[in-house]
N, C-alpha and C. Protein backbone atom coordinates (compact mmCIF):
# COMPACT_ATOMS: atom_id res chain seq x y z
N MET A 1 1.29 26.53 -26.48
CA MET A 1 1.80 25.62 -27.49
C MET A 1 2.45 24.86 -26.24
N GLN A 2 2.59 23.56 -26.86
CA GLN A 2 3.37 22.15 -26.18
C GLN A 2 4.65 22.21 -26.34
N LYS A 3 5.52 22.48 -25.42
CA LYS A 3 6.76 21.92 -25.73
C LYS A 3 7.05 20.53 -26.11
N ARG A 4 8.05 20.54 -26.80
CA ARG A 4 8.79 19.17 -27.35
C ARG A 4 9.03 18.64 -26.05
N LYS A 5 8.64 17.02 -25.97
CA LYS A 5 9.04 16.18 -24.34
C LYS A 5 10.24 15.36 -24.82
N SER A 6 11.00 15.34 -23.79
CA SER A 6 12.30 14.62 -23.63
C SER A 6 11.74 13.20 -22.85
N HIS A 7 12.53 12.25 -22.99
CA HIS A 7 12.41 10.85 -22.80
C HIS A 7 12.24 11.33 -20.83
N ASN A 8 13.00 11.91 -20.39
CA ASN A 8 12.62 11.93 -18.65
C ASN A 8 11.29 12.51 -18.73
N ASP A 9 10.84 13.47 -19.24
CA ASP A 9 9.48 14.10 -19.27
C ASP A 9 8.45 13.26 -19.14
N ILE A 10 8.66 12.22 -20.57
CA ILE A 10 7.80 11.08 -20.20
C ILE A 10 7.89 9.99 -19.47
N SER A 11 8.91 10.06 -18.98
CA SER A 11 9.28 9.19 -17.70
C SER A 11 8.45 9.71 -16.57
N PHE A 12 8.78 10.96 -16.29
CA PHE A 12 8.05 11.58 -15.38
C PHE A 12 6.54 11.59 -15.19
N ASN A 13 5.95 11.71 -16.86
CA ASN A 13 4.60 11.53 -16.81
C ASN A 13 4.09 10.27 -16.06
N ILE A 14 4.77 9.21 -16.99
CA ILE A 14 4.34 7.77 -16.45
C ILE A 14 4.35 7.48 -14.84
N TRP A 15 5.69 8.06 -14.26
CA TRP A 15 5.58 7.39 -12.73
C TRP A 15 4.73 8.54 -11.78
N SER A 16 4.40 9.92 -12.23
CA SER A 16 3.30 10.34 -11.61
C SER A 16 2.09 9.78 -11.91
N GLY A 17 1.70 9.39 -12.90
CA GLY A 17 0.39 8.41 -12.87
C GLY A 17 0.44 7.38 -12.22
N VAL A 18 1.40 6.58 -12.16
CA VAL A 18 1.61 5.30 -11.60
C VAL A 18 1.40 5.85 -10.08
N LEU A 19 2.06 6.74 -9.49
CA LEU A 19 1.97 7.01 -7.80
C LEU A 19 0.73 7.16 -7.67
N PHE A 20 0.12 8.15 -8.38
CA PHE A 20 -1.71 8.47 -8.49
C PHE A 20 -2.39 7.26 -8.32
N GLY A 21 -2.17 6.35 -9.30
CA GLY A 21 -2.95 5.38 -9.24
C GLY A 21 -3.00 4.74 -7.81
N LEU A 22 -1.64 4.31 -7.74
CA LEU A 22 -1.24 3.52 -6.41
C LEU A 22 -2.06 4.24 -4.88
N GLY A 23 -1.75 5.57 -4.78
CA GLY A 23 -2.57 6.36 -3.80
C GLY A 23 -3.93 6.25 -3.88
N ALA A 24 -4.72 6.46 -4.97
CA ALA A 24 -5.89 6.58 -5.45
C ALA A 24 -6.52 5.19 -4.82
N VAL A 25 -6.25 4.05 -5.32
CA VAL A 25 -6.66 2.76 -5.34
C VAL A 25 -6.28 2.50 -3.46
N ALA A 26 -5.40 2.69 -3.31
CA ALA A 26 -5.10 2.64 -1.61
C ALA A 26 -5.83 3.39 -0.98
N PHE A 27 -6.47 4.72 -1.18
CA PHE A 27 -7.26 5.55 -0.51
C PHE A 27 -8.72 4.75 -0.59
N ILE A 28 -9.30 4.15 -1.86
CA ILE A 28 -10.30 3.64 -2.03
C ILE A 28 -10.44 2.30 -0.99
N ASP A 29 -9.48 1.58 -1.08
CA ASP A 29 -9.34 0.01 -0.26
C ASP A 29 -9.27 0.87 1.05
N GLU A 30 -8.97 1.42 1.82
CA GLU A 30 -8.58 1.99 3.21
C GLU A 30 -10.21 2.58 3.43
N ALA A 31 -10.69 3.44 2.90
CA ALA A 31 -12.08 4.19 3.04
C ALA A 31 -13.28 3.18 3.34
N LEU A 32 -13.34 2.56 1.90
CA LEU A 32 -14.14 1.65 1.95
C LEU A 32 -14.30 0.12 2.56
N PHE A 33 -13.34 -0.26 2.35
CA PHE A 33 -13.14 -1.97 2.97
C PHE A 33 -12.78 -1.48 4.45
N HIS A 34 -11.90 -0.97 4.79
CA HIS A 34 -11.37 -1.11 6.00
C HIS A 34 -12.31 0.08 6.97
N GLN A 35 -12.95 1.09 6.58
CA GLN A 35 -13.68 2.02 7.41
C GLN A 35 -14.91 1.86 7.09
N LEU A 36 -15.32 1.89 6.28
CA LEU A 36 -16.85 1.94 5.87
C LEU A 36 -17.31 0.41 6.16
N LEU A 37 -17.32 -0.08 5.41
CA LEU A 37 -17.40 -1.51 5.66
C LEU A 37 -17.29 -2.84 6.81
N HIS A 38 -15.77 -2.45 7.32
CA HIS A 38 -15.30 -3.04 8.08
C HIS A 38 -14.84 -4.21 7.93
N TRP A 39 -14.34 -4.66 6.79
CA TRP A 39 -14.20 -6.30 6.32
C TRP A 39 -12.78 -6.68 6.79
N HIS A 40 -11.93 -5.97 6.92
CA HIS A 40 -10.80 -6.19 7.25
C HIS A 40 -9.70 -4.79 7.65
N HIS A 41 -8.42 -5.02 8.20
CA HIS A 41 -7.51 -3.93 8.48
C HIS A 41 -6.32 -4.13 7.95
N PHE A 42 -5.57 -3.28 7.75
CA PHE A 42 -4.30 -3.54 6.66
C PHE A 42 -3.41 -4.55 7.56
N TYR A 43 -3.37 -4.66 8.67
CA TYR A 43 -2.75 -5.71 9.52
C TYR A 43 -3.55 -6.72 10.41
N ASP A 44 -4.25 -7.60 10.07
CA ASP A 44 -5.02 -8.61 10.69
C ASP A 44 -4.44 -9.65 11.77
N LEU A 45 -3.21 -9.69 11.65
CA LEU A 45 -3.01 -10.78 12.44
C LEU A 45 -2.26 -10.53 13.95
N SER A 46 -3.22 -9.45 14.66
CA SER A 46 -3.07 -8.95 15.94
C SER A 46 -4.15 -8.24 16.33
N THR A 47 -4.13 -7.64 17.73
CA THR A 47 -5.25 -7.12 18.19
C THR A 47 -5.71 -5.96 16.98
N THR A 48 -7.01 -5.57 17.59
CA THR A 48 -7.82 -4.68 16.70
C THR A 48 -7.32 -3.49 16.80
N SER A 49 -6.44 -2.64 17.91
CA SER A 49 -5.71 -2.04 18.18
C SER A 49 -4.74 -1.65 17.13
N ILE A 50 -3.64 -2.63 16.92
CA ILE A 50 -2.73 -2.74 16.23
C ILE A 50 -3.38 -2.61 14.60
N GLY A 51 -4.50 -3.31 14.21
CA GLY A 51 -4.92 -3.24 13.25
C GLY A 51 -5.43 -1.84 12.82
N LEU A 52 -5.85 -0.94 13.84
CA LEU A 52 -6.42 0.42 13.47
C LEU A 52 -5.03 1.38 13.15
N ILE A 53 -3.76 1.10 13.75
CA ILE A 53 -2.54 1.76 13.86
C ILE A 53 -2.34 1.05 12.40
N SER A 54 -2.29 0.28 11.97
CA SER A 54 -1.99 -0.36 10.50
C SER A 54 -2.36 0.40 9.52
N ASP A 55 -3.78 0.39 9.78
CA ASP A 55 -4.51 1.37 8.77
C ASP A 55 -4.24 2.83 8.59
N GLY A 56 -4.10 3.38 9.89
CA GLY A 56 -3.64 4.81 9.92
C GLY A 56 -2.14 4.83 9.26
N LEU A 57 -1.31 4.13 9.29
CA LEU A 57 0.06 3.95 8.75
C LEU A 57 0.05 3.71 6.98
N PHE A 58 -1.26 2.58 6.63
CA PHE A 58 -1.67 2.82 5.40
C PHE A 58 -2.20 3.99 4.47
N HIS A 59 -2.75 4.45 5.22
CA HIS A 59 -3.91 5.83 4.94
C HIS A 59 -2.59 6.81 4.86
N ALA A 60 -1.75 7.20 5.42
CA ALA A 60 -0.62 7.77 5.05
C ALA A 60 0.03 8.01 4.06
N PHE A 61 0.43 6.40 3.60
CA PHE A 61 0.82 6.15 2.52
C PHE A 61 0.12 6.62 1.27
N SER A 62 -0.81 6.12 1.39
CA SER A 62 -1.77 6.41 0.00
C SER A 62 -1.93 8.09 -0.42
N TRP A 63 -1.98 9.09 1.14
CA TRP A 63 -2.14 10.19 0.72
C TRP A 63 -0.53 10.82 0.29
N PHE A 64 0.49 10.29 1.02
CA PHE A 64 1.54 10.69 0.49
C PHE A 64 1.83 10.48 -1.03
N ALA A 65 1.66 8.98 -1.58
CA ALA A 65 2.09 8.85 -3.04
C ALA A 65 1.08 9.57 -3.76
N THR A 66 -0.31 9.98 -3.47
CA THR A 66 -1.21 11.21 -4.08
C THR A 66 -0.87 12.25 -4.10
N VAL A 67 -0.12 12.63 -3.33
CA VAL A 67 -0.05 14.20 -2.95
C VAL A 67 1.78 14.51 -4.07
N ALA A 68 2.42 13.51 -3.89
CA ALA A 68 3.33 13.80 -4.48
C ALA A 68 3.09 13.59 -5.86
N SER A 69 2.52 12.51 -6.34
CA SER A 69 2.10 12.47 -8.02
C SER A 69 1.43 13.79 -8.34
N LEU A 70 0.55 14.51 -7.42
CA LEU A 70 -0.07 15.97 -8.08
C LEU A 70 1.46 17.15 -8.06
N PHE A 71 2.19 17.03 -7.16
CA PHE A 71 3.32 18.04 -7.01
C PHE A 71 4.22 17.68 -8.55
N MET A 72 4.33 16.35 -8.81
CA MET A 72 4.96 15.90 -10.10
C MET A 72 4.10 16.68 -11.26
N VAL A 73 2.65 16.06 -11.44
CA VAL A 73 1.92 16.65 -12.15
C VAL A 73 2.03 18.51 -12.19
N ALA A 74 2.31 18.96 -11.27
CA ALA A 74 2.07 20.44 -11.24
C ALA A 74 3.43 20.80 -12.18
N ASP A 75 4.43 20.05 -11.52
CA ASP A 75 5.92 20.53 -12.44
C ASP A 75 5.56 20.35 -14.00
N LEU A 76 4.66 19.17 -14.28
CA LEU A 76 4.99 18.67 -15.71
C LEU A 76 4.05 19.94 -16.26
N LYS A 77 3.04 20.40 -15.83
CA LYS A 77 1.86 21.20 -16.04
C LYS A 77 2.99 22.58 -16.26
N LYS A 78 3.71 23.14 -15.38
CA LYS A 78 4.46 24.41 -15.32
C LYS A 78 5.27 24.40 -16.63
N ARG A 79 5.92 23.10 -16.66
CA ARG A 79 6.87 22.98 -17.80
C ARG A 79 6.12 22.83 -19.39
N ARG A 80 4.85 22.57 -19.29
CA ARG A 80 4.32 22.45 -20.28
C ARG A 80 4.22 21.28 -21.13
N VAL A 81 4.75 20.14 -20.34
CA VAL A 81 4.74 18.91 -20.90
C VAL A 81 4.16 17.75 -20.07
N PHE A 82 2.92 18.32 -19.83
CA PHE A 82 2.01 17.20 -19.12
C PHE A 82 1.21 16.39 -20.50
N HIS A 83 0.89 15.34 -20.36
CA HIS A 83 0.65 14.43 -21.49
C HIS A 83 -0.62 13.63 -20.67
N PHE A 84 -1.81 14.16 -20.69
CA PHE A 84 -2.68 13.80 -19.97
C PHE A 84 -3.15 12.11 -20.27
N LYS A 85 -3.24 11.70 -21.79
CA LYS A 85 -3.55 10.53 -21.97
C LYS A 85 -2.51 9.47 -21.28
N LEU A 86 -1.31 9.65 -21.32
CA LEU A 86 -0.43 9.09 -21.01
C LEU A 86 -0.49 8.96 -19.46
N TRP A 87 -0.40 9.74 -18.54
CA TRP A 87 -0.68 9.99 -17.33
C TRP A 87 -1.81 8.94 -16.91
N MET A 88 -3.10 9.26 -17.45
CA MET A 88 -3.96 8.14 -17.20
C MET A 88 -3.75 6.70 -17.54
N GLY A 89 -3.47 6.50 -18.81
CA GLY A 89 -2.86 4.91 -18.85
C GLY A 89 -1.94 4.80 -17.63
N ALA A 90 -0.85 5.34 -17.29
CA ALA A 90 -0.31 5.10 -16.03
C ALA A 90 -0.97 5.04 -14.80
N GLU A 91 -1.71 6.14 -14.63
CA GLU A 91 -2.88 5.89 -13.34
C GLU A 91 -3.28 4.34 -13.28
N LEU A 92 -4.02 3.90 -14.35
CA LEU A 92 -4.68 2.81 -14.53
C LEU A 92 -3.64 1.41 -14.25
N LEU A 93 -2.44 1.91 -14.71
CA LEU A 93 -1.47 0.92 -14.33
C LEU A 93 -0.90 0.74 -13.02
N GLY A 94 -0.82 1.69 -12.59
CA GLY A 94 -0.48 1.88 -10.83
C GLY A 94 -1.84 1.57 -10.30
N ALA A 95 -2.84 1.60 -10.48
CA ALA A 95 -4.02 1.20 -9.64
C ALA A 95 -4.11 -0.15 -9.59
N GLY A 96 -3.91 -0.94 -11.18
CA GLY A 96 -4.38 -2.31 -11.03
C GLY A 96 -3.18 -3.20 -10.19
N SER A 97 -1.71 -2.31 -10.82
CA SER A 97 -0.60 -3.31 -10.00
C SER A 97 -0.55 -2.95 -8.14
N PHE A 98 -1.24 -1.90 -7.97
CA PHE A 98 -1.03 -1.98 -6.41
C PHE A 98 -2.56 -3.09 -5.82
N GLN A 99 -3.54 -3.05 -6.71
CA GLN A 99 -4.72 -4.24 -6.53
C GLN A 99 -4.08 -5.37 -6.49
N LEU A 100 -3.74 -5.99 -7.48
CA LEU A 100 -2.89 -7.16 -7.89
C LEU A 100 -1.87 -7.35 -6.89
N TYR A 101 -1.04 -6.69 -6.39
CA TYR A 101 -0.09 -6.77 -5.54
C TYR A 101 -0.76 -7.00 -4.11
N ASP A 102 -1.84 -6.22 -3.97
CA ASP A 102 -2.52 -6.88 -2.55
C ASP A 102 -3.18 -7.80 -2.59
N GLY A 103 -3.79 -8.44 -3.83
CA GLY A 103 -4.68 -9.41 -3.54
C GLY A 103 -3.63 -10.61 -3.81
N ILE A 104 -2.54 -10.81 -4.25
CA ILE A 104 -1.66 -11.71 -4.15
C ILE A 104 -0.65 -12.27 -3.01
N ILE A 105 0.12 -10.77 -3.04
CA ILE A 105 1.23 -10.70 -1.76
C ILE A 105 0.75 -10.97 -0.38
N GLN A 106 -0.25 -9.63 -0.20
CA GLN A 106 -0.69 -9.45 1.14
C GLN A 106 -2.05 -10.29 1.39
N HIS A 107 -3.04 -10.75 0.53
CA HIS A 107 -3.77 -11.71 0.66
C HIS A 107 -3.51 -12.99 0.83
N LYS A 108 -2.76 -13.72 -0.03
CA LYS A 108 -2.47 -15.15 -0.26
C LYS A 108 -0.89 -15.41 0.25
N LEU A 109 0.03 -14.70 -0.21
CA LEU A 109 1.48 -15.32 0.36
C LEU A 109 1.56 -14.91 1.90
N MET A 110 1.32 -13.54 1.86
CA MET A 110 1.84 -13.19 3.39
C MET A 110 0.78 -13.39 4.12
N ARG A 111 -0.33 -13.24 4.00
CA ARG A 111 -1.54 -13.56 4.66
C ARG A 111 -2.00 -12.57 5.74
N ILE A 112 -1.46 -11.26 5.65
CA ILE A 112 -1.49 -10.22 6.62
C ILE A 112 -3.12 -9.85 6.75
N HIS A 113 -3.86 -10.06 5.61
CA HIS A 113 -5.62 -9.98 5.80
C HIS A 113 -6.12 -10.56 4.63
N GLN A 114 -7.58 -10.74 4.66
CA GLN A 114 -8.45 -11.00 3.63
C GLN A 114 -8.99 -10.00 3.24
N ILE A 115 -9.86 -10.15 1.96
CA ILE A 115 -10.60 -9.03 1.36
C ILE A 115 -11.79 -9.23 2.35
N ARG A 116 -12.23 -10.37 2.83
CA ARG A 116 -13.35 -10.51 3.84
C ARG A 116 -13.40 -11.75 4.56
N TYR A 117 -14.01 -11.99 5.45
CA TYR A 117 -13.82 -12.98 6.46
C TYR A 117 -14.96 -14.01 6.49
N ASN A 118 -15.63 -14.96 6.85
CA ASN A 118 -16.18 -15.87 6.85
C ASN A 118 -17.16 -15.75 6.09
N VAL A 119 -16.72 -15.93 4.60
CA VAL A 119 -17.49 -16.09 3.37
C VAL A 119 -16.68 -17.14 2.32
N GLU A 120 -16.92 -17.44 1.28
CA GLU A 120 -16.51 -18.18 0.50
C GLU A 120 -15.77 -17.29 -0.49
N ILE A 121 -14.34 -17.26 -0.10
CA ILE A 121 -13.48 -16.15 -0.27
C ILE A 121 -13.04 -16.16 -1.70
N ILE A 122 -13.12 -17.40 -2.42
CA ILE A 122 -12.81 -17.66 -3.82
C ILE A 122 -13.27 -16.81 -4.71
N TYR A 123 -14.50 -16.26 -4.60
CA TYR A 123 -15.25 -15.60 -5.76
C TYR A 123 -14.84 -14.26 -5.37
N TYR A 124 -14.50 -13.63 -4.41
CA TYR A 124 -13.96 -12.16 -3.65
C TYR A 124 -12.85 -12.11 -4.29
N ASP A 125 -11.85 -13.09 -4.18
CA ASP A 125 -10.24 -13.27 -4.85
C ASP A 125 -10.59 -13.11 -6.36
N ILE A 126 -11.20 -13.89 -6.90
CA ILE A 126 -11.21 -13.79 -8.60
C ILE A 126 -11.74 -12.50 -8.94
N VAL A 127 -12.77 -11.79 -8.31
CA VAL A 127 -13.19 -10.66 -9.05
C VAL A 127 -12.16 -9.56 -8.53
N TRP A 128 -11.33 -9.71 -7.53
CA TRP A 128 -10.37 -8.69 -7.02
C TRP A 128 -9.22 -8.46 -8.11
N ASN A 129 -8.60 -9.86 -8.25
CA ASN A 129 -7.59 -10.09 -9.04
C ASN A 129 -7.51 -9.91 -10.43
N VAL A 130 -8.74 -10.06 -10.86
CA VAL A 130 -9.25 -9.88 -12.50
C VAL A 130 -9.41 -8.61 -12.92
N LEU A 131 -10.04 -8.05 -11.89
CA LEU A 131 -10.36 -6.57 -11.83
C LEU A 131 -8.80 -5.71 -12.22
N ALA A 132 -8.09 -6.06 -11.26
CA ALA A 132 -6.92 -5.80 -11.19
C ALA A 132 -5.90 -5.74 -12.51
N ALA A 133 -5.85 -6.93 -13.10
CA ALA A 133 -5.12 -7.47 -13.91
C ALA A 133 -5.84 -6.89 -15.57
N ILE A 134 -7.32 -6.38 -15.46
CA ILE A 134 -7.67 -5.61 -16.36
C ILE A 134 -7.52 -4.36 -16.18
N LEU A 135 -7.47 -3.61 -15.29
CA LEU A 135 -7.16 -2.20 -15.41
C LEU A 135 -5.54 -2.22 -15.81
N MET A 136 -4.86 -3.02 -15.13
CA MET A 136 -2.88 -2.82 -15.58
C MET A 136 -3.32 -2.91 -17.27
N ILE A 137 -3.91 -3.90 -17.76
CA ILE A 137 -3.69 -4.25 -19.31
C ILE A 137 -4.27 -2.98 -19.76
N ILE A 138 -5.39 -2.43 -19.63
CA ILE A 138 -6.05 -1.29 -19.99
C ILE A 138 -5.05 -0.15 -20.02
N GLY A 139 -4.11 0.11 -19.10
CA GLY A 139 -3.04 0.99 -18.52
C GLY A 139 -1.91 0.87 -19.53
N PHE A 140 -1.53 -0.45 -19.50
CA PHE A 140 -0.71 -1.03 -20.37
C PHE A 140 -0.86 -0.45 -21.99
N ILE A 141 -2.11 -0.73 -22.32
CA ILE A 141 -2.43 -0.51 -23.91
C ILE A 141 -2.53 0.91 -24.16
N ILE A 142 -3.14 1.73 -23.07
CA ILE A 142 -2.93 3.26 -23.47
C ILE A 142 -1.68 3.93 -23.39
N ILE A 143 -0.48 3.32 -22.75
CA ILE A 143 0.56 3.98 -22.37
C ILE A 143 1.36 3.76 -23.56
N LYS A 144 1.37 2.06 -24.28
CA LYS A 144 2.03 2.00 -25.63
C LYS A 144 1.37 2.77 -26.73
N LYS A 145 -0.05 2.99 -26.64
CA LYS A 145 -0.58 3.51 -27.63
C LYS A 145 0.05 5.10 -27.84
N GLN A 146 0.13 5.98 -26.32
CA GLN A 146 0.45 7.08 -26.66
C GLN A 146 2.06 7.45 -26.74
N LEU A 147 2.68 6.39 -26.48
CA LEU A 147 4.17 6.38 -26.76
C LEU A 147 4.50 6.54 -28.33
N LYS A 148 3.60 5.06 -28.78
CA LYS A 148 3.67 5.42 -30.28
C LYS A 148 3.00 6.64 -31.10
N ALA A 149 1.87 7.36 -30.65
CA ALA A 149 1.46 8.44 -31.08
C ALA A 149 2.53 9.61 -30.87
N ASN A 150 3.16 9.55 -29.87
CA ASN A 150 4.27 10.74 -29.43
C ASN A 150 5.57 10.69 -30.51
N GLN A 151 5.72 9.08 -30.46
CA GLN A 151 7.23 8.91 -31.62
C GLN A 151 6.62 9.38 -33.12
N LYS A 152 5.52 9.11 -33.77
CA LYS A 152 4.97 9.39 -35.07
C LYS A 152 5.24 11.07 -34.90
N ALA A 153 4.47 12.06 -33.63
CA ALA A 153 4.45 12.73 -33.99
C ALA A 153 5.78 13.76 -34.00
N GLY A 154 6.88 13.30 -33.26
CA GLY A 154 8.23 13.50 -33.32
C GLY A 154 8.61 14.28 -32.14
N GLU A 155 7.64 13.81 -30.77
CA GLU A 155 7.58 14.30 -29.39
C GLU A 155 8.58 13.71 -28.77
N VAL A 156 9.22 12.57 -29.01
CA VAL A 156 10.42 11.80 -28.11
C VAL A 156 11.38 11.73 -29.25
């Protein structure tokens, strides 16, 4: 039997999902674009050695966010207030938020790296940022729908 969720439990579900989304997308970005494809480093404005160090710090951030979120999920499950659909919406919101932040702030405003070099970058930018916005919109819709369902069920 699931316990009645408080506002703090709902918030904890959302934040753990957002953290997991941030960590998961950062990990995928690091593994795929930095390590496997060698398209860029986290920080490309210096030497390759500095770029590799920045990749290591970025990788540590992604794991910290992912592990922290899973500790939060363990606590939610232990207290029987974990809400998977709400969490998944928050995970998509976090993933899209990180990707949009990366695409706009790091790629365009700070210019610390690009998705890829020596290509027509506009197509990569459009795909990158549109996918990010789609993830965020889907996540937001799921969260709103689940909050409304919880409200109707009297869980909050």
